[in-house]
Amino acid sequence: MLGTLINTATIIAGSAIGHYAKKIIKPKWQKAMFTAMGLAATALGFNAVSNNLPKSQYPVLFIISLAIGGLIGTILDIDGRFDRLVSRLSSSKLSQGLSTGILLYCIGTLSIVGPVMSALRGDNTYLFTNATLDLVTSAVLAATYGIGMILAAPVLFVWQACIYMLARLSGNFIPADMLTEITIVGGILIASSGLKILEIKDCKTLNMLPALLIPAIFFAIKSLFKI
């Protein structure tokens, strides 16, 4: 839970910093910070893929996962629903900021894969990286929407704590090979998020989130039929 606690603390700190520094954070500085975070996310994603792809026993699985997951996400229009939800909740400036911030903090791949890696491997790298991203993001959001953005912190804590506990409870039933495959897919989605932040390519990363479930389904079928 250390990574989650730090991640929560960075949102609180970032919101406070952004609120009190909003008069001096110029738009060009905000863009510079987002560029740095985009580069960091892209590098982390590629690093996750390069480190785990050689360990994969099913090197084609991540391609199938992205194809099927992306198709499911596109049919469900996850990205579009996300945009419409934010629009519906934007009756005031604070509600717009909170809805955007909560979804950014919680739905990001780092925030989903991070607690799993922490629970099963004791690896907080993803959560620490997510904390760094959220520190900058929360500061920028608070500079725009005010100190009320701090209310997103407890939401993130509950979200990641639930994922952490589920992973701990099911840890003995999660094969290492499956975690490797999920990490490869997650790394690609992280890199995709980085490309969007850098305004290079909007890959509709939210539509690809179901790809994280495909390796789990594959291994469940494999175990069921003892393939």
Protein backbone atom coordinates (compact mmCIF):
# COMPACT_ATOMS: atom_id res chain seq x y z
CA MET A 1 0.00 0.00 0.00
CA LEU A 2 3.04 2.30 0.17
CA GLY A 3 2.74 3.24 -3.49
CA THR A 4 -0.96 4.07 -3.12
CA LEU A 5 -0.34 6.19 -0.02
CA ILE A 6 2.37 8.14 -1.83
CA ASN A 7 0.20 8.51 -4.92
CA THR A 8 -2.63 9.89 -2.76
CA ALA A 9 -0.26 12.26 -0.97
CA THR A 10 1.10 13.64 -4.25
CA ILE A 11 -2.41 14.57 -5.42
CA ILE A 12 -2.98 16.42 -2.13
CA ALA A 13 0.38 18.14 -2.42
CA GLY A 14 -0.03 18.92 -6.10
CA SER A 15 -3.48 20.41 -5.55
CA ALA A 16 -2.14 22.64 -2.79
CA ILE A 17 0.85 23.71 -4.86
CA GLY A 18 -1.30 24.45 -7.90
CA HIS A 19 -3.81 26.46 -5.87
CA TYR A 20 -1.21 28.71 -4.30
CA ALA A 21 0.98 28.97 -7.38
CA LYS A 22 -1.77 29.54 -9.95
CA LYS A 23 -0.77 33.14 -10.43
CA ILE A 24 2.76 32.26 -11.55
CA ILE A 25 2.21 29.06 -13.58
CA LYS A 26 2.11 30.41 -17.10
CA PRO A 27 0.46 28.44 -19.93
CA LYS A 28 3.81 27.78 -21.61
CA TRP A 29 5.16 26.35 -18.35
CA GLN A 30 2.13 24.07 -18.08
CA LYS A 31 2.79 22.82 -21.60
CA ALA A 32 6.46 22.19 -20.76
CA MET A 33 5.47 20.09 -17.73
CA PHE A 34 2.95 18.07 -19.73
CA THR A 35 5.60 17.45 -22.41
CA ALA A 36 7.98 16.10 -19.78
CA MET A 37 5.25 13.82 -18.40
CA GLY A 38 4.41 12.61 -21.90
CA LEU A 39 8.02 11.67 -22.54
CA ALA A 40 8.21 9.90 -19.17
CA ALA A 41 5.04 7.88 -19.82
CA THR A 42 6.22 6.91 -23.30
CA ALA A 43 9.63 5.80 -22.00
CA LEU A 44 8.08 3.80 -19.16
CA GLY A 45 5.71 2.04 -21.54
CA PHE A 46 8.43 1.04 -23.97
CA ASN A 47 10.61 -0.09 -21.06
CA ALA A 48 7.83 -2.37 -19.74
CA VAL A 49 7.42 -3.93 -23.19
CA SER A 50 11.14 -4.41 -23.84
CA ASN A 51 11.73 -5.96 -20.40
CA ASN A 52 8.82 -8.39 -20.53
CA LEU A 53 8.47 -9.35 -24.19
CA PRO A 54 11.56 -11.62 -24.07
CA LYS A 55 9.95 -13.46 -21.12
CA SER A 56 6.69 -14.05 -22.96
CA GLN A 57 5.73 -17.65 -23.69
CA TYR A 58 3.03 -16.41 -26.08
CA PRO A 59 4.64 -13.55 -28.07
CA VAL A 60 1.58 -13.12 -30.28
CA LEU A 61 -0.88 -12.82 -27.37
CA PHE A 62 -0.34 -9.11 -26.86
CA ILE A 63 -1.19 -8.45 -30.52
CA ILE A 64 -4.40 -10.47 -30.23
CA SER A 65 -5.20 -8.76 -26.94
CA LEU A 66 -4.81 -5.28 -28.43
CA ALA A 67 -6.86 -6.20 -31.51
CA ILE A 68 -9.74 -7.82 -29.61
CA GLY A 69 -9.62 -5.38 -26.69
CA GLY A 70 -9.49 -2.38 -29.01
CA LEU A 71 -12.46 -3.72 -30.98
CA ILE A 72 -14.51 -4.29 -27.81
CA GLY A 73 -13.61 -0.86 -26.47
CA THR A 74 -14.51 0.81 -29.76
CA ILE A 75 -17.87 -1.01 -29.92
CA LEU A 76 -18.58 0.05 -26.33
CA ASP A 77 -17.32 3.54 -27.20
CA ILE A 78 -15.44 3.86 -23.90
CA ASP A 79 -13.57 6.94 -25.07
CA GLY A 80 -16.76 8.64 -26.25
CA ARG A 81 -18.61 7.77 -23.05
CA PHE A 82 -15.73 9.23 -21.07
CA ASP A 83 -16.00 12.51 -22.99
CA ARG A 84 -19.77 12.66 -22.62
CA LEU A 85 -19.56 11.91 -18.88
CA VAL A 86 -17.11 14.76 -18.39
CA SER A 87 -19.40 17.06 -20.37
CA ARG A 88 -22.44 16.13 -18.27
CA LEU A 89 -20.56 16.79 -15.04
CA SER A 90 -19.23 20.15 -16.13
CA SER A 91 -22.06 22.37 -14.84
CA SER A 92 -19.51 24.27 -12.79
CA LYS A 93 -15.78 24.78 -13.09
CA LEU A 94 -14.99 22.69 -10.00
CA SER A 95 -17.20 19.79 -11.08
CA GLN A 96 -15.52 19.82 -14.47
CA GLY A 97 -12.10 19.75 -12.84
CA LEU A 98 -13.04 17.00 -10.39
CA SER A 99 -14.66 14.80 -13.03
CA THR A 100 -11.67 15.19 -15.31
CA GLY A 101 -9.13 14.71 -12.52
CA ILE A 102 -10.77 11.65 -10.96
CA LEU A 103 -11.07 9.89 -14.30
CA LEU A 104 -7.50 10.77 -15.26
CA TYR A 105 -6.11 9.56 -11.93
CA CYS A 106 -8.17 6.36 -11.72
CA ILE A 107 -8.64 5.12 -15.27
CA GLY A 108 -5.02 5.46 -16.35
CA THR A 109 -3.21 2.19 -16.95
CA LEU A 110 -0.57 3.02 -14.33
CA SER A 111 -3.30 3.39 -11.72
CA ILE A 112 -4.75 -0.03 -12.59
CA VAL A 113 -1.64 -2.11 -13.21
CA GLY A 114 0.34 -0.36 -10.44
CA PRO A 115 -1.61 -1.74 -7.44
CA VAL A 116 -1.52 -5.24 -8.99
CA MET A 117 2.27 -5.10 -9.37
CA SER A 118 2.57 -3.75 -5.82
CA ALA A 119 0.38 -6.50 -4.35
CA LEU A 120 1.89 -9.43 -6.25
CA ARG A 121 5.52 -8.45 -6.71
CA GLY A 122 6.09 -5.71 -4.15
CA ASP A 123 7.05 -3.50 -7.10
CA ASN A 124 5.89 0.10 -6.64
CA THR A 125 7.62 1.46 -9.75
CA TYR A 126 4.38 2.02 -11.66
CA LEU A 127 2.71 3.67 -8.67
CA PHE A 128 5.69 5.94 -8.00
CA THR A 129 5.72 6.95 -11.66
CA ASN A 130 1.97 7.51 -11.53
CA ALA A 131 2.47 9.61 -8.40
CA THR A 132 4.92 11.82 -10.29
CA LEU A 133 2.50 12.22 -13.18
CA ASP A 134 -0.37 12.96 -10.80
CA LEU A 135 1.69 15.52 -8.88
CA VAL A 136 2.14 17.60 -12.02
CA THR A 137 -1.39 16.95 -13.31
CA SER A 138 -3.04 17.86 -10.00
CA ALA A 139 -0.96 21.04 -9.74
CA VAL A 140 -2.02 22.13 -13.23
CA LEU A 141 -5.68 21.23 -12.58
CA ALA A 142 -5.72 23.01 -9.21
CA ALA A 143 -4.17 26.08 -10.81
CA THR A 144 -7.23 26.13 -13.08
CA TYR A 145 -10.06 24.86 -10.84
CA GLY A 146 -8.90 25.67 -7.30
CA ILE A 147 -8.16 23.85 -4.04
CA GLY A 148 -11.35 21.77 -4.36
CA MET A 149 -9.36 19.43 -6.64
CA ILE A 150 -7.95 17.92 -3.43
CA LEU A 151 -11.24 15.97 -3.13
CA ALA A 152 -10.01 13.65 -5.89
CA ALA A 153 -7.35 12.22 -3.53
CA PRO A 154 -9.64 9.99 -1.39
CA VAL A 155 -11.34 8.70 -4.53
CA LEU A 156 -7.98 7.56 -5.90
CA PHE A 157 -7.08 5.94 -2.57
CA VAL A 158 -10.28 3.87 -2.43
CA TRP A 159 -9.91 2.86 -6.10
CA GLN A 160 -6.30 1.67 -5.81
CA ALA A 161 -6.87 0.07 -2.39
CA CYS A 162 -9.69 -2.05 -3.82
CA ILE A 163 -7.52 -3.20 -6.73
CA TYR A 164 -4.64 -3.93 -4.33
CA MET A 165 -6.80 -6.04 -2.02
CA LEU A 166 -8.34 -8.00 -4.89
CA ALA A 167 -4.87 -8.73 -6.25
CA ARG A 168 -3.65 -9.84 -2.81
CA LEU A 169 -6.61 -12.15 -2.32
CA SER A 170 -6.21 -13.76 -5.73
CA GLY A 171 -2.40 -13.62 -5.82
CA ASN A 172 -1.82 -17.37 -5.53
CA PHE A 173 -4.11 -17.96 -8.49
CA ILE A 174 -2.42 -15.52 -10.85
CA PRO A 175 0.27 -17.23 -12.98
CA ALA A 176 3.50 -15.30 -13.49
CA ASP A 177 3.14 -15.78 -17.24
CA MET A 178 -0.24 -14.06 -17.19
CA LEU A 179 1.17 -11.10 -15.27
CA THR A 180 3.94 -10.85 -17.85
CA GLU A 181 1.41 -10.71 -20.69
CA ILE A 182 -0.72 -8.11 -18.87
CA THR A 183 2.40 -6.03 -18.25
CA ILE A 184 3.28 -6.08 -21.95
CA VAL A 185 -0.20 -4.91 -22.91
CA GLY A 186 -0.17 -2.34 -20.10
CA GLY A 187 3.20 -1.03 -21.27
CA ILE A 188 1.84 -0.45 -24.75
CA LEU A 189 -1.15 1.41 -23.34
CA ILE A 190 1.13 3.54 -21.17
CA ALA A 191 3.22 4.44 -24.22
CA SER A 192 0.00 5.21 -26.09
CA SER A 193 -1.04 7.60 -23.31
CA GLY A 194 2.35 9.29 -23.57
CA LEU A 195 1.91 9.80 -27.32
CA LYS A 196 -1.44 11.47 -26.66
CA ILE A 197 0.03 13.81 -24.04
CA LEU A 198 2.76 14.73 -26.53
CA GLU A 199 0.05 15.38 -29.13
CA ILE A 200 1.74 12.96 -31.55
CA LYS A 201 -1.15 10.54 -31.93
CA ASP A 202 -4.48 10.09 -30.16
CA CYS A 203 -4.74 6.29 -30.11
CA LYS A 204 -8.01 6.35 -28.15
CA THR A 205 -6.25 4.55 -25.31
CA LEU A 206 -9.43 4.27 -23.26
CA ASN A 207 -10.96 2.16 -26.02
CA MET A 208 -8.06 -0.28 -25.63
CA LEU A 209 -8.47 -0.82 -21.89
CA PRO A 210 -10.39 -4.12 -22.41
CA ALA A 211 -7.14 -5.48 -23.88
CA LEU A 212 -5.89 -5.85 -20.28
CA LEU A 213 -8.57 -8.51 -19.70
CA ILE A 214 -7.76 -10.68 -22.73
CA PRO A 215 -4.63 -12.34 -21.24
CA ALA A 216 -6.64 -13.21 -18.10
CA ILE A 217 -9.39 -14.75 -20.22
CA PHE A 218 -6.82 -16.68 -22.26
CA PHE A 219 -5.17 -18.16 -19.18
CA ALA A 220 -8.56 -18.97 -17.62
CA ILE A 221 -9.53 -20.95 -20.74
CA LYS A 222 -6.09 -22.56 -20.83
CA SER A 223 -6.44 -23.66 -17.21
CA LEU A 224 -10.02 -24.85 -17.67
CA PHE A 225 -9.20 -27.09 -20.62
CA LYS A 226 -5.63 -27.83 -19.38
CA ILE A 227 -4.12 -26.80 -22.69
